[in-house]
Amino acid sequence: MNQQPQTEFLDLYRAGLKNAADLMKASLESAERLQNQQLSAIRSALEQQSRAMSELSQAKSFDQLVSVQQQMVGANLERAMGYWSNLCQVAGQNQMAAISQAQAQMLQAREWLNETCALTARATEEAARLAAATTATASASVRQGAKQPERRTA
């Protein structure tokens, strides 16, 4: 019994499990980067808020108060845009990692299928040759038997 297809199937299965584990690792690393990015954004917002409160408390006129408020709005808008930009970048990186893993797994599956088809074709050719040889031998035996005169025993 040929163990080659079973071995190749197990290799393909192992490769699939490894790819799934790699994809999970990439996804978890992406989640970690995202969480670190969120923590950094929160720390930055807290620092900015503390500075803004200090500046607001030191404002001596309405114009200074409006100016500080405008600066706060600009900084908050800039921080929000940076946060969403980074969020989209992390999501894109995660998607690229997933696509790359899927492509690698599909390539391995295609190679395995090509090898399996080639092995099946060779096995079929060998079986056809064996069948033809067996048929030829059987036909020759039948012809040989037909050519020999019958022996009568009395």
N, C-alpha and C. Protein backbone atom coordinates (compact mmCIF):
# COMPACT_ATOMS: atom_id res chain seq x y z
N MET A 1 0.85 -1.19 0.00
CA MET A 1 0.00 0.00 0.00
C MET A 1 0.88 1.24 0.00
N ASN A 2 0.57 2.20 -0.83
CA ASN A 2 1.37 3.40 -0.99
C ASN A 2 1.02 4.42 0.08
N GLN A 3 2.01 4.84 0.85
CA GLN A 3 1.80 5.81 1.94
C GLN A 3 2.00 7.24 1.46
N GLN A 4 2.47 7.42 0.22
CA GLN A 4 2.77 8.76 -0.31
C GLN A 4 1.58 9.71 -0.22
N PRO A 5 0.39 9.36 -0.73
CA PRO A 5 -0.73 10.32 -0.64
C PRO A 5 -1.11 10.66 0.81
N GLN A 6 -1.05 9.65 1.69
CA GLN A 6 -1.39 9.92 3.09
C GLN A 6 -0.37 10.88 3.71
N THR A 7 0.90 10.65 3.41
CA THR A 7 1.95 11.52 3.94
C THR A 7 1.78 12.93 3.41
N GLU A 8 1.50 13.05 2.11
CA GLU A 8 1.31 14.38 1.54
C GLU A 8 0.07 15.07 2.13
N PHE A 9 -0.99 14.30 2.36
CA PHE A 9 -2.18 14.88 2.97
C PHE A 9 -1.86 15.38 4.37
N LEU A 10 -1.12 14.60 5.15
CA LEU A 10 -0.74 15.03 6.50
C LEU A 10 0.14 16.27 6.45
N ASP A 11 1.06 16.31 5.47
CA ASP A 11 1.91 17.50 5.32
C ASP A 11 1.06 18.72 4.99
N LEU A 12 0.09 18.54 4.10
CA LEU A 12 -0.80 19.64 3.74
C LEU A 12 -1.63 20.08 4.95
N TYR A 13 -2.10 19.11 5.71
CA TYR A 13 -2.90 19.41 6.90
C TYR A 13 -2.06 20.19 7.92
N ARG A 14 -0.81 19.72 8.13
CA ARG A 14 0.08 20.42 9.06
C ARG A 14 0.35 21.85 8.58
N ALA A 15 0.58 21.99 7.28
CA ALA A 15 0.83 23.31 6.72
C ALA A 15 -0.39 24.21 6.92
N GLY A 16 -1.58 23.65 6.74
CA GLY A 16 -2.80 24.42 6.97
C GLY A 16 -2.92 24.87 8.42
N LEU A 17 -2.61 23.97 9.34
CA LEU A 17 -2.65 24.34 10.76
C LEU A 17 -1.61 25.41 11.08
N LYS A 18 -0.41 25.29 10.50
CA LYS A 18 0.63 26.29 10.72
C LYS A 18 0.18 27.64 10.17
N ASN A 19 -0.41 27.64 8.98
CA ASN A 19 -0.89 28.89 8.40
C ASN A 19 -1.99 29.51 9.25
N ALA A 20 -2.88 28.67 9.77
CA ALA A 20 -3.93 29.19 10.64
C ALA A 20 -3.33 29.79 11.91
N ALA A 21 -2.32 29.12 12.47
CA ALA A 21 -1.66 29.64 13.67
C ALA A 21 -0.93 30.95 13.35
N ASP A 22 -0.28 31.02 12.18
CA ASP A 22 0.40 32.25 11.78
C ASP A 22 -0.59 33.39 11.59
N LEU A 23 -1.73 33.07 11.00
CA LEU A 23 -2.76 34.09 10.80
C LEU A 23 -3.29 34.58 12.14
N MET A 24 -3.50 33.66 13.07
CA MET A 24 -3.97 34.04 14.41
C MET A 24 -2.93 34.90 15.11
N LYS A 25 -1.65 34.54 14.97
CA LYS A 25 -0.58 35.32 15.59
C LYS A 25 -0.56 36.73 15.00
N ALA A 26 -0.65 36.83 13.68
CA ALA A 26 -0.65 38.16 13.04
C ALA A 26 -1.85 38.97 13.50
N SER A 27 -2.99 38.32 13.64
CA SER A 27 -4.20 39.02 14.08
C SER A 27 -4.04 39.50 15.53
N LEU A 28 -3.49 38.65 16.39
CA LEU A 28 -3.28 39.05 17.79
C LEU A 28 -2.24 40.17 17.90
N GLU A 29 -1.19 40.09 17.09
CA GLU A 29 -0.20 41.16 17.11
C GLU A 29 -0.82 42.47 16.63
N SER A 30 -1.69 42.38 15.64
CA SER A 30 -2.38 43.56 15.16
C SER A 30 -3.28 44.14 16.24
N ALA A 31 -3.99 43.27 16.95
CA ALA A 31 -4.85 43.72 18.04
C ALA A 31 -4.01 44.38 19.14
N GLU A 32 -2.84 43.81 19.40
CA GLU A 32 -1.95 44.40 20.42
C GLU A 32 -1.48 45.79 19.98
N ARG A 33 -1.09 45.92 18.69
CA ARG A 33 -0.67 47.23 18.18
C ARG A 33 -1.82 48.23 18.29
N LEU A 34 -3.01 47.78 17.96
CA LEU A 34 -4.17 48.66 18.03
C LEU A 34 -4.43 49.09 19.47
N GLN A 35 -4.34 48.14 20.40
CA GLN A 35 -4.57 48.48 21.80
C GLN A 35 -3.50 49.46 22.30
N ASN A 36 -2.25 49.23 21.92
CA ASN A 36 -1.19 50.15 22.32
C ASN A 36 -1.42 51.53 21.71
N GLN A 37 -1.89 51.56 20.48
CA GLN A 37 -2.20 52.82 19.83
C GLN A 37 -3.32 53.54 20.58
N GLN A 38 -4.33 52.80 20.99
CA GLN A 38 -5.44 53.40 21.74
C GLN A 38 -4.95 53.95 23.08
N LEU A 39 -4.10 53.17 23.77
CA LEU A 39 -3.57 53.65 25.06
C LEU A 39 -2.74 54.92 24.86
N SER A 40 -1.96 54.95 23.80
CA SER A 40 -1.15 56.13 23.51
C SER A 40 -2.05 57.33 23.22
N ALA A 41 -3.12 57.10 22.47
CA ALA A 41 -4.05 58.19 22.15
C ALA A 41 -4.74 58.69 23.42
N ILE A 42 -5.09 57.79 24.32
CA ILE A 42 -5.73 58.19 25.58
C ILE A 42 -4.77 59.00 26.43
N ARG A 43 -3.51 58.53 26.53
CA ARG A 43 -2.50 59.29 27.31
C ARG A 43 -2.30 60.68 26.73
N SER A 44 -2.21 60.74 25.42
CA SER A 44 -2.02 62.03 24.75
C SER A 44 -3.21 62.95 25.01
N ALA A 45 -4.40 62.39 24.93
CA ALA A 45 -5.61 63.19 25.18
C ALA A 45 -5.63 63.70 26.62
N LEU A 46 -5.23 62.86 27.57
CA LEU A 46 -5.20 63.29 28.98
C LEU A 46 -4.18 64.40 29.19
N GLU A 47 -3.00 64.26 28.57
CA GLU A 47 -1.98 65.30 28.70
C GLU A 47 -2.46 66.61 28.08
N GLN A 48 -3.07 66.50 26.89
CA GLN A 48 -3.58 67.68 26.20
C GLN A 48 -4.68 68.34 27.02
N GLN A 49 -5.53 67.54 27.60
CA GLN A 49 -6.62 68.07 28.43
C GLN A 49 -6.05 68.80 29.64
N SER A 50 -5.04 68.23 30.26
CA SER A 50 -4.43 68.87 31.43
C SER A 50 -3.79 70.21 31.05
N ARG A 51 -3.08 70.24 29.91
CA ARG A 51 -2.48 71.50 29.45
C ARG A 51 -3.56 72.53 29.13
N ALA A 52 -4.61 72.06 28.46
CA ALA A 52 -5.70 72.98 28.09
C ALA A 52 -6.36 73.56 29.33
N MET A 53 -6.57 72.74 30.34
CA MET A 53 -7.19 73.25 31.58
C MET A 53 -6.29 74.27 32.26
N SER A 54 -4.99 74.00 32.21
CA SER A 54 -4.05 74.95 32.80
C SER A 54 -4.09 76.27 32.04
N GLU A 55 -4.10 76.20 30.72
CA GLU A 55 -4.14 77.41 29.90
C GLU A 55 -5.48 78.14 30.08
N LEU A 56 -6.57 77.38 30.17
CA LEU A 56 -7.88 78.01 30.37
C LEU A 56 -7.94 78.73 31.71
N SER A 57 -7.35 78.12 32.71
CA SER A 57 -7.39 78.75 34.04
C SER A 57 -6.53 80.01 34.09
N GLN A 58 -5.56 80.13 33.19
CA GLN A 58 -4.69 81.31 33.17
C GLN A 58 -5.20 82.41 32.24
N ALA A 59 -6.25 82.11 31.49
CA ALA A 59 -6.79 83.12 30.57
C ALA A 59 -7.34 84.29 31.37
N LYS A 60 -6.99 85.51 30.93
CA LYS A 60 -7.39 86.69 31.67
C LYS A 60 -8.46 87.49 30.93
N SER A 61 -8.70 87.11 29.68
CA SER A 61 -9.71 87.84 28.92
C SER A 61 -10.52 86.85 28.08
N PHE A 62 -11.62 87.38 27.58
CA PHE A 62 -12.48 86.56 26.74
C PHE A 62 -11.75 86.14 25.46
N ASP A 63 -10.96 87.04 24.90
CA ASP A 63 -10.20 86.73 23.68
C ASP A 63 -9.19 85.61 23.93
N GLN A 64 -8.50 85.65 25.06
CA GLN A 64 -7.56 84.58 25.40
C GLN A 64 -8.30 83.26 25.58
N LEU A 65 -9.46 83.32 26.19
CA LEU A 65 -10.27 82.12 26.40
C LEU A 65 -10.69 81.50 25.06
N VAL A 66 -11.14 82.32 24.14
CA VAL A 66 -11.54 81.84 22.80
C VAL A 66 -10.33 81.30 22.06
N SER A 67 -9.19 81.96 22.18
CA SER A 67 -7.96 81.51 21.51
C SER A 67 -7.53 80.13 22.02
N VAL A 68 -7.55 79.95 23.34
CA VAL A 68 -7.19 78.65 23.93
C VAL A 68 -8.17 77.58 23.47
N GLN A 69 -9.45 77.95 23.42
CA GLN A 69 -10.47 76.98 22.99
C GLN A 69 -10.25 76.58 21.53
N GLN A 70 -9.90 77.53 20.69
CA GLN A 70 -9.64 77.23 19.28
C GLN A 70 -8.42 76.31 19.15
N GLN A 71 -7.42 76.54 19.93
CA GLN A 71 -6.23 75.68 19.92
C GLN A 71 -6.59 74.26 20.35
N MET A 72 -7.44 74.17 21.37
CA MET A 72 -7.87 72.85 21.86
C MET A 72 -8.64 72.10 20.78
N VAL A 73 -9.55 72.81 20.11
CA VAL A 73 -10.35 72.18 19.06
C VAL A 73 -9.44 71.70 17.93
N GLY A 74 -8.49 72.53 17.52
CA GLY A 74 -7.56 72.14 16.46
C GLY A 74 -6.73 70.93 16.84
N ALA A 75 -6.21 70.95 18.07
CA ALA A 75 -5.40 69.83 18.55
C ALA A 75 -6.23 68.55 18.65
N ASN A 76 -7.46 68.68 19.15
CA ASN A 76 -8.33 67.50 19.25
C ASN A 76 -8.68 66.94 17.87
N LEU A 77 -8.95 67.83 16.93
CA LEU A 77 -9.26 67.39 15.57
C LEU A 77 -8.05 66.70 14.94
N GLU A 78 -6.89 67.30 15.12
CA GLU A 78 -5.65 66.70 14.58
C GLU A 78 -5.40 65.33 15.21
N ARG A 79 -5.58 65.22 16.49
CA ARG A 79 -5.37 63.94 17.19
C ARG A 79 -6.38 62.89 16.72
N ALA A 80 -7.64 63.30 16.54
CA ALA A 80 -8.66 62.36 16.07
C ALA A 80 -8.35 61.87 14.66
N MET A 81 -7.92 62.77 13.80
CA MET A 81 -7.58 62.38 12.43
C MET A 81 -6.38 61.43 12.42
N GLY A 82 -5.39 61.72 13.24
CA GLY A 82 -4.23 60.84 13.34
C GLY A 82 -4.61 59.47 13.87
N TYR A 83 -5.49 59.47 14.86
CA TYR A 83 -5.94 58.19 15.43
C TYR A 83 -6.64 57.35 14.37
N TRP A 84 -7.59 57.95 13.65
CA TRP A 84 -8.34 57.18 12.65
C TRP A 84 -7.45 56.77 11.48
N SER A 85 -6.50 57.60 11.13
CA SER A 85 -5.55 57.25 10.08
C SER A 85 -4.73 56.03 10.49
N ASN A 86 -4.22 56.05 11.70
CA ASN A 86 -3.46 54.91 12.21
C ASN A 86 -4.33 53.66 12.34
N LEU A 87 -5.56 53.85 12.74
CA LEU A 87 -6.48 52.71 12.86
C LEU A 87 -6.70 52.05 11.50
N CYS A 88 -6.90 52.86 10.49
CA CYS A 88 -7.07 52.32 9.13
C CYS A 88 -5.80 51.64 8.65
N GLN A 89 -4.66 52.19 8.99
CA GLN A 89 -3.38 51.60 8.60
C GLN A 89 -3.20 50.23 9.26
N VAL A 90 -3.51 50.12 10.54
CA VAL A 90 -3.40 48.83 11.24
C VAL A 90 -4.38 47.82 10.64
N ALA A 91 -5.59 48.25 10.36
CA ALA A 91 -6.57 47.35 9.75
C ALA A 91 -6.09 46.87 8.38
N GLY A 92 -5.50 47.76 7.60
CA GLY A 92 -4.97 47.39 6.29
C GLY A 92 -3.82 46.40 6.41
N GLN A 93 -2.93 46.63 7.38
CA GLN A 93 -1.82 45.70 7.59
C GLN A 93 -2.34 44.32 7.99
N ASN A 94 -3.35 44.29 8.84
CA ASN A 94 -3.92 43.01 9.25
C ASN A 94 -4.55 42.30 8.06
N GLN A 95 -5.25 43.05 7.23
CA GLN A 95 -5.88 42.46 6.05
C GLN A 95 -4.82 41.94 5.08
N MET A 96 -3.73 42.68 4.90
CA MET A 96 -2.66 42.23 4.02
C MET A 96 -2.01 40.94 4.55
N ALA A 97 -1.83 40.86 5.86
CA ALA A 97 -1.26 39.65 6.46
C ALA A 97 -2.19 38.46 6.24
N ALA A 98 -3.49 38.68 6.40
CA ALA A 98 -4.46 37.60 6.20
C ALA A 98 -4.47 37.15 4.74
N ILE A 99 -4.43 38.09 3.81
CA ILE A 99 -4.43 37.75 2.39
C ILE A 99 -3.15 36.99 2.04
N SER A 100 -2.04 37.43 2.57
CA SER A 100 -0.76 36.76 2.30
C SER A 100 -0.78 35.32 2.81
N GLN A 101 -1.31 35.12 4.01
CA GLN A 101 -1.41 33.77 4.57
C GLN A 101 -2.33 32.90 3.72
N ALA A 102 -3.45 33.45 3.31
CA ALA A 102 -4.40 32.68 2.49
C ALA A 102 -3.78 32.31 1.15
N GLN A 103 -3.03 33.24 0.55
CA GLN A 103 -2.38 32.95 -0.73
C GLN A 103 -1.34 31.85 -0.57
N ALA A 104 -0.57 31.90 0.51
CA ALA A 104 0.45 30.87 0.74
C ALA A 104 -0.21 29.51 0.92
N GLN A 105 -1.30 29.48 1.65
CA GLN A 105 -2.00 28.21 1.87
C GLN A 105 -2.60 27.69 0.57
N MET A 106 -3.15 28.57 -0.24
CA MET A 106 -3.72 28.14 -1.52
C MET A 106 -2.62 27.63 -2.46
N LEU A 107 -1.47 28.25 -2.44
CA LEU A 107 -0.35 27.80 -3.26
C LEU A 107 0.09 26.40 -2.84
N GLN A 108 0.17 26.16 -1.54
CA GLN A 108 0.54 24.83 -1.06
C GLN A 108 -0.51 23.80 -1.45
N ALA A 109 -1.78 24.17 -1.33
CA ALA A 109 -2.84 23.24 -1.71
C ALA A 109 -2.78 22.93 -3.20
N ARG A 110 -2.52 23.94 -4.02
CA ARG A 110 -2.42 23.73 -5.47
C ARG A 110 -1.25 22.80 -5.80
N GLU A 111 -0.11 23.04 -5.15
CA GLU A 111 1.05 22.17 -5.38
C GLU A 111 0.75 20.74 -4.98
N TRP A 112 0.09 20.57 -3.84
CA TRP A 112 -0.25 19.23 -3.38
C TRP A 112 -1.20 18.56 -4.37
N LEU A 113 -2.20 19.29 -4.85
CA LEU A 113 -3.14 18.72 -5.82
C LEU A 113 -2.44 18.36 -7.13
N ASN A 114 -1.53 19.21 -7.59
CA ASN A 114 -0.79 18.90 -8.80
C ASN A 114 0.03 17.64 -8.64
N GLU A 115 0.70 17.51 -7.50
CA GLU A 115 1.50 16.31 -7.24
C GLU A 115 0.60 15.08 -7.14
N THR A 116 -0.54 15.22 -6.50
CA THR A 116 -1.47 14.10 -6.37
C THR A 116 -2.00 13.68 -7.73
N CYS A 117 -2.34 14.65 -8.57
CA CYS A 117 -2.82 14.33 -9.92
C CYS A 117 -1.74 13.63 -10.72
N ALA A 118 -0.51 14.10 -10.61
CA ALA A 118 0.60 13.47 -11.33
C ALA A 118 0.80 12.03 -10.85
N LEU A 119 0.75 11.83 -9.55
CA LEU A 119 0.89 10.47 -9.00
C LEU A 119 -0.25 9.58 -9.46
N THR A 120 -1.46 10.11 -9.47
CA THR A 120 -2.62 9.33 -9.91
C THR A 120 -2.49 8.96 -11.38
N ALA A 121 -2.03 9.92 -12.19
CA ALA A 121 -1.84 9.64 -13.62
C ALA A 121 -0.81 8.55 -13.83
N ARG A 122 0.31 8.62 -13.09
CA ARG A 122 1.34 7.58 -13.22
C ARG A 122 0.81 6.23 -12.76
N ALA A 123 0.07 6.23 -11.66
CA ALA A 123 -0.49 4.97 -11.16
C ALA A 123 -1.48 4.38 -12.16
N THR A 124 -2.27 5.24 -12.80
CA THR A 124 -3.22 4.78 -13.81
C THR A 124 -2.49 4.20 -15.02
N GLU A 125 -1.42 4.88 -15.44
CA GLU A 125 -0.63 4.36 -16.57
C GLU A 125 -0.02 3.00 -16.23
N GLU A 126 0.51 2.89 -15.04
CA GLU A 126 1.10 1.62 -14.61
C GLU A 126 0.04 0.51 -14.55
N ALA A 127 -1.14 0.87 -14.03
CA ALA A 127 -2.22 -0.11 -13.95
C ALA A 127 -2.66 -0.53 -15.35
N ALA A 128 -2.71 0.42 -16.28
CA ALA A 128 -3.10 0.10 -17.67
C ALA A 128 -2.05 -0.80 -18.31
N ARG A 129 -0.76 -0.51 -18.10
CA ARG A 129 0.30 -1.37 -18.64
C ARG A 129 0.22 -2.77 -18.04
N LEU A 130 0.00 -2.85 -16.76
CA LEU A 130 -0.09 -4.15 -16.10
C LEU A 130 -1.29 -4.93 -16.62
N ALA A 131 -2.42 -4.24 -16.79
CA ALA A 131 -3.61 -4.90 -17.32
C ALA A 131 -3.37 -5.38 -18.75
N ALA A 132 -2.70 -4.55 -19.56
CA ALA A 132 -2.42 -4.94 -20.94
C ALA A 132 -1.48 -6.13 -20.97
N ALA A 133 -0.47 -6.11 -20.11
CA ALA A 133 0.46 -7.24 -20.07
C ALA A 133 -0.24 -8.50 -19.59
N THR A 134 -1.09 -8.37 -18.60
CA THR A 134 -1.83 -9.54 -18.09
C THR A 134 -2.76 -10.08 -19.16
N THR A 135 -3.43 -9.19 -19.87
CA THR A 135 -4.33 -9.60 -20.95
C THR A 135 -3.55 -10.28 -22.07
N ALA A 136 -2.41 -9.71 -22.42
CA ALA A 136 -1.58 -10.30 -23.47
C ALA A 136 -1.10 -11.68 -23.06
N THR A 137 -0.69 -11.83 -21.82
CA THR A 137 -0.23 -13.13 -21.33
C THR A 137 -1.37 -14.13 -21.32
N ALA A 138 -2.53 -13.69 -20.88
CA ALA A 138 -3.69 -14.59 -20.85
C ALA A 138 -4.10 -14.97 -22.27
N SER A 139 -4.07 -14.03 -23.20
CA SER A 139 -4.42 -14.32 -24.59
C SER A 139 -3.42 -15.29 -25.20
N ALA A 140 -2.15 -15.09 -24.92
CA ALA A 140 -1.12 -15.99 -25.44
C ALA A 140 -1.30 -17.38 -24.88
N SER A 141 -1.67 -17.47 -23.61
CA SER A 141 -1.90 -18.78 -23.00
C SER A 141 -3.09 -19.47 -23.64
N VAL A 142 -4.13 -18.71 -23.91
CA VAL A 142 -5.33 -19.29 -24.53
C VAL A 142 -4.98 -19.74 -25.95
N ARG A 143 -4.24 -18.94 -26.71
CA ARG A 143 -3.84 -19.32 -28.06
C ARG A 143 -2.94 -20.54 -28.03
N GLN A 144 -2.03 -20.57 -27.09
CA GLN A 144 -1.11 -21.71 -26.96
C GLN A 144 -1.92 -22.97 -26.68
N GLY A 145 -2.89 -22.85 -25.82
CA GLY A 145 -3.72 -24.01 -25.46
C GLY A 145 -4.56 -24.45 -26.65
N ALA A 146 -5.00 -23.54 -27.49
CA ALA A 146 -5.83 -23.87 -28.63
C ALA A 146 -5.01 -24.55 -29.73
N LYS A 147 -3.73 -24.26 -29.83
CA LYS A 147 -2.88 -24.84 -30.86
C LYS A 147 -2.47 -26.27 -30.53
N GLN A 148 -2.42 -26.61 -29.30
CA GLN A 148 -2.01 -27.96 -28.93
C GLN A 148 -3.15 -28.94 -29.16
N PRO A 149 -2.86 -30.07 -29.79
CA PRO A 149 -3.92 -31.07 -30.00
C PRO A 149 -4.33 -31.68 -28.68
N GLU A 150 -5.58 -32.07 -28.68
CA GLU A 150 -6.09 -32.69 -27.47
C GLU A 150 -5.49 -34.06 -27.31
N ARG A 151 -5.15 -34.43 -26.17
CA ARG A 151 -4.61 -35.76 -25.87
C ARG A 151 -5.74 -36.60 -25.30
N ARG A 152 -5.90 -37.70 -25.93
CA ARG A 152 -6.95 -38.61 -25.46
C ARG A 152 -6.31 -39.70 -24.65
N THR A 153 -6.90 -39.95 -23.61
CA THR A 153 -6.46 -41.07 -22.79
C THR A 153 -7.52 -42.12 -22.82
N ALA A 154 -7.08 -43.31 -22.97
CA ALA A 154 -8.04 -44.39 -23.07
C ALA A 154 -8.13 -45.21 -21.86
